[in-house]
Amino acid sequence: MKIVINSIDYSGSIVDGPGIRTVLFVQGCMRKCEDCHNPSTWDIAKGKELDIEDIVEDLRKKCLNKKLTISGGEPLLQYPAILELIKSLDDFNIVLYTGFEFDDVPKEIFHYLDYIKVGKYIKEQRSTIIPFMGSNNQKFIELRGGKIEIN
């Protein structure tokens, strides 16, 4: 299976989830939020289509602390590929950033994530105080360690 990405940042982000993280930016987003941090990820035709196996191999070689954030773009627009990717990285600590609301995210994916950031970025609610958030309406939820129940 293939996934369309914008880039993979191995430089060590400290703003995309707990700890020092590698960030995979997927390509394609329908939201086009005003003041989006990553407008270069909107047009899916401008991305690079890669085999998931190649991405997994690259992450295993270069992401030594096994902390990965999947952002975008909108990762859930490529849901089958994203699900396959995170299942292949079951020993990684994974954060998923999505503009979808919590109730609209396919529940199956929760079993493979450590954290999820949900909610569309809203310029008028911009936040620089809340860790890992772009705007106050967004939520950063821990999914492992008994923080929520998954039915």
Protein backbone atom coordinates (compact mmCIF):
# COMPACT_ATOMS: atom_id res chain seq x y z
CA MET A 1 0.00 0.00 0.00
CA LYS A 2 1.13 3.55 -0.70
CA ILE A 3 0.77 6.81 1.18
CA VAL A 4 1.16 10.34 -0.15
CA ILE A 5 3.45 12.42 2.05
CA ASN A 6 4.85 15.93 2.05
CA SER A 7 7.96 15.19 4.11
CA ILE A 8 9.46 13.48 7.13
CA ASP A 9 11.22 15.75 9.61
CA TYR A 10 13.93 13.92 11.57
CA SER A 11 15.36 17.09 13.16
CA GLY A 12 13.65 16.47 16.50
CA SER A 13 10.46 18.43 17.12
CA ILE A 14 9.51 19.39 20.67
CA VAL A 15 6.18 21.04 19.71
CA ASP A 16 4.40 18.09 18.08
CA GLY A 17 3.81 15.89 21.12
CA PRO A 18 5.60 14.71 24.26
CA GLY A 19 9.37 14.35 23.98
CA ILE A 20 11.64 14.84 21.00
CA ARG A 21 9.76 13.56 17.97
CA THR A 22 10.08 12.73 14.30
CA VAL A 23 7.18 14.21 12.32
CA LEU A 24 5.66 12.67 9.20
CA PHE A 25 3.65 15.24 7.25
CA VAL A 26 1.06 13.63 5.00
CA GLN A 27 -0.13 15.40 1.87
CA GLY A 28 -3.71 16.47 1.24
CA CYS A 29 -6.16 18.52 3.27
CA MET A 30 -9.64 19.77 2.47
CA ARG A 31 -9.88 22.19 5.42
CA LYS A 32 -7.61 25.00 4.19
CA CYS A 33 -7.68 26.68 7.62
CA GLU A 34 -6.88 30.38 7.65
CA ASP A 35 -3.28 30.86 8.90
CA CYS A 36 -2.57 27.12 8.53
CA HIS A 37 0.92 26.20 9.71
CA ASN A 38 1.41 23.80 6.76
CA PRO A 39 -0.38 25.12 3.62
CA SER A 40 2.15 23.30 1.43
CA THR A 41 0.42 20.06 2.49
CA TRP A 42 -3.03 20.94 1.12
CA ASP A 43 -2.78 19.77 -2.52
CA ILE A 44 -2.46 15.98 -2.60
CA ALA A 45 -1.12 16.15 -6.18
CA LYS A 46 2.01 17.92 -4.88
CA GLY A 47 3.00 15.07 -2.57
CA LYS A 48 5.31 12.08 -2.91
CA GLU A 49 3.67 8.68 -3.15
CA LEU A 50 5.73 6.14 -1.20
CA ASP A 51 5.34 2.51 -0.23
CA ILE A 52 4.46 2.10 3.43
CA GLU A 53 7.13 -0.58 3.77
CA ASP A 54 9.78 1.92 2.64
CA ILE A 55 8.57 4.53 5.13
CA VAL A 56 8.59 1.97 7.95
CA GLU A 57 12.12 0.89 7.04
CA ASP A 58 13.30 4.50 6.95
CA LEU A 59 11.66 5.33 10.30
CA ARG A 60 13.18 2.26 11.95
CA LYS A 61 16.66 3.36 10.79
CA LYS A 62 16.41 7.08 11.56
CA CYS A 63 13.86 7.52 14.36
CA LEU A 64 15.93 5.91 17.08
CA ASN A 65 13.81 7.03 20.05
CA LYS A 66 10.68 5.63 18.37
CA LYS A 67 8.59 8.77 18.92
CA LEU A 68 6.56 9.69 15.84
CA THR A 69 3.93 12.33 15.19
CA ILE A 70 1.76 11.99 12.09
CA SER A 71 0.51 15.38 10.95
CA GLY A 72 -0.34 17.05 7.72
CA GLY A 73 -2.33 17.84 5.81
CA GLU A 74 -5.13 15.67 7.10
CA PRO A 75 -3.88 12.15 7.87
CA LEU A 76 -7.35 10.62 8.04
CA LEU A 77 -7.99 11.37 4.35
CA GLN A 78 -5.63 8.43 3.76
CA TYR A 79 -7.11 6.34 6.56
CA PRO A 80 -6.40 2.80 5.25
CA ALA A 81 -2.75 3.67 4.60
CA ILE A 82 -2.35 5.51 7.93
CA LEU A 83 -3.84 2.55 9.79
CA GLU A 84 -1.46 0.14 8.05
CA LEU A 85 1.49 2.43 8.80
CA ILE A 86 0.80 2.70 12.53
CA LYS A 87 0.08 -1.03 12.83
CA SER A 88 3.55 -1.61 11.35
CA LEU A 89 5.08 0.63 14.03
CA ASP A 90 3.44 -0.97 17.06
CA ASP A 91 6.57 -0.46 19.19
CA PHE A 92 6.60 3.31 18.51
CA ASN A 93 5.02 6.06 20.60
CA ILE A 94 2.64 7.60 18.07
CA VAL A 95 0.74 10.89 18.08
CA LEU A 96 -1.84 11.62 15.36
CA TYR A 97 -2.87 15.20 14.58
CA THR A 98 -6.27 15.50 12.88
CA GLY A 99 -8.76 18.26 12.19
CA PHE A 100 -11.62 15.82 12.74
CA GLU A 101 -13.56 15.91 16.00
CA PHE A 102 -13.03 12.98 18.38
CA ASP A 103 -16.42 11.38 17.65
CA ASP A 104 -15.71 11.44 13.89
CA VAL A 105 -12.40 9.56 14.11
CA PRO A 106 -12.63 5.82 13.29
CA LYS A 107 -12.42 4.14 16.70
CA GLU A 108 -10.25 1.25 15.46
CA ILE A 109 -7.25 3.57 15.13
CA PHE A 110 -7.32 4.43 18.86
CA HIS A 111 -5.93 0.99 19.71
CA TYR A 112 -2.67 1.82 17.90
CA LEU A 113 -2.10 5.41 19.07
CA ASP A 114 -0.64 6.84 22.24
CA TYR A 115 -2.12 10.30 21.75
CA ILE A 116 -4.45 12.08 19.37
CA LYS A 117 -4.92 15.79 18.77
CA VAL A 118 -8.43 16.49 17.46
CA GLY A 119 -10.19 19.58 16.16
CA LYS A 120 -9.86 21.99 13.29
CA TYR A 121 -7.51 24.95 13.71
CA ILE A 122 -9.52 28.14 14.25
CA LYS A 123 -7.52 31.34 13.83
CA GLU A 124 -9.73 33.35 16.20
CA GLN A 125 -9.03 30.83 18.98
CA ARG A 126 -5.26 30.68 18.41
CA SER A 127 -3.29 29.54 21.46
CA THR A 128 0.39 29.79 22.29
CA ILE A 129 -0.07 28.65 25.89
CA ILE A 130 -1.55 25.15 25.63
CA PRO A 131 1.12 22.56 24.69
CA PHE A 132 0.72 20.89 21.27
CA MET A 133 -2.35 23.00 20.34
CA GLY A 134 -2.86 25.51 17.60
CA SER A 135 -6.20 26.80 18.89
CA ASN A 136 -8.18 26.53 22.12
CA ASN A 137 -10.95 24.36 20.62
CA GLN A 138 -8.52 21.50 19.95
CA LYS A 139 -8.00 18.62 22.38
CA PHE A 140 -4.88 16.55 23.03
CA ILE A 141 -5.98 13.17 24.38
CA GLU A 142 -3.91 10.34 25.84
CA LEU A 143 -5.20 7.03 24.53
CA ARG A 144 -2.94 4.53 26.30
CA GLY A 145 -2.47 3.95 30.00
CA GLY A 146 -6.16 3.77 30.91
CA LYS A 147 -6.96 7.42 30.17
CA ILE A 148 -9.98 6.57 28.01
CA GLU A 149 -12.07 3.50 27.39
CA ILE A 150 -12.30 2.23 23.82
CA ASN A 151 -15.49 0.32 23.09
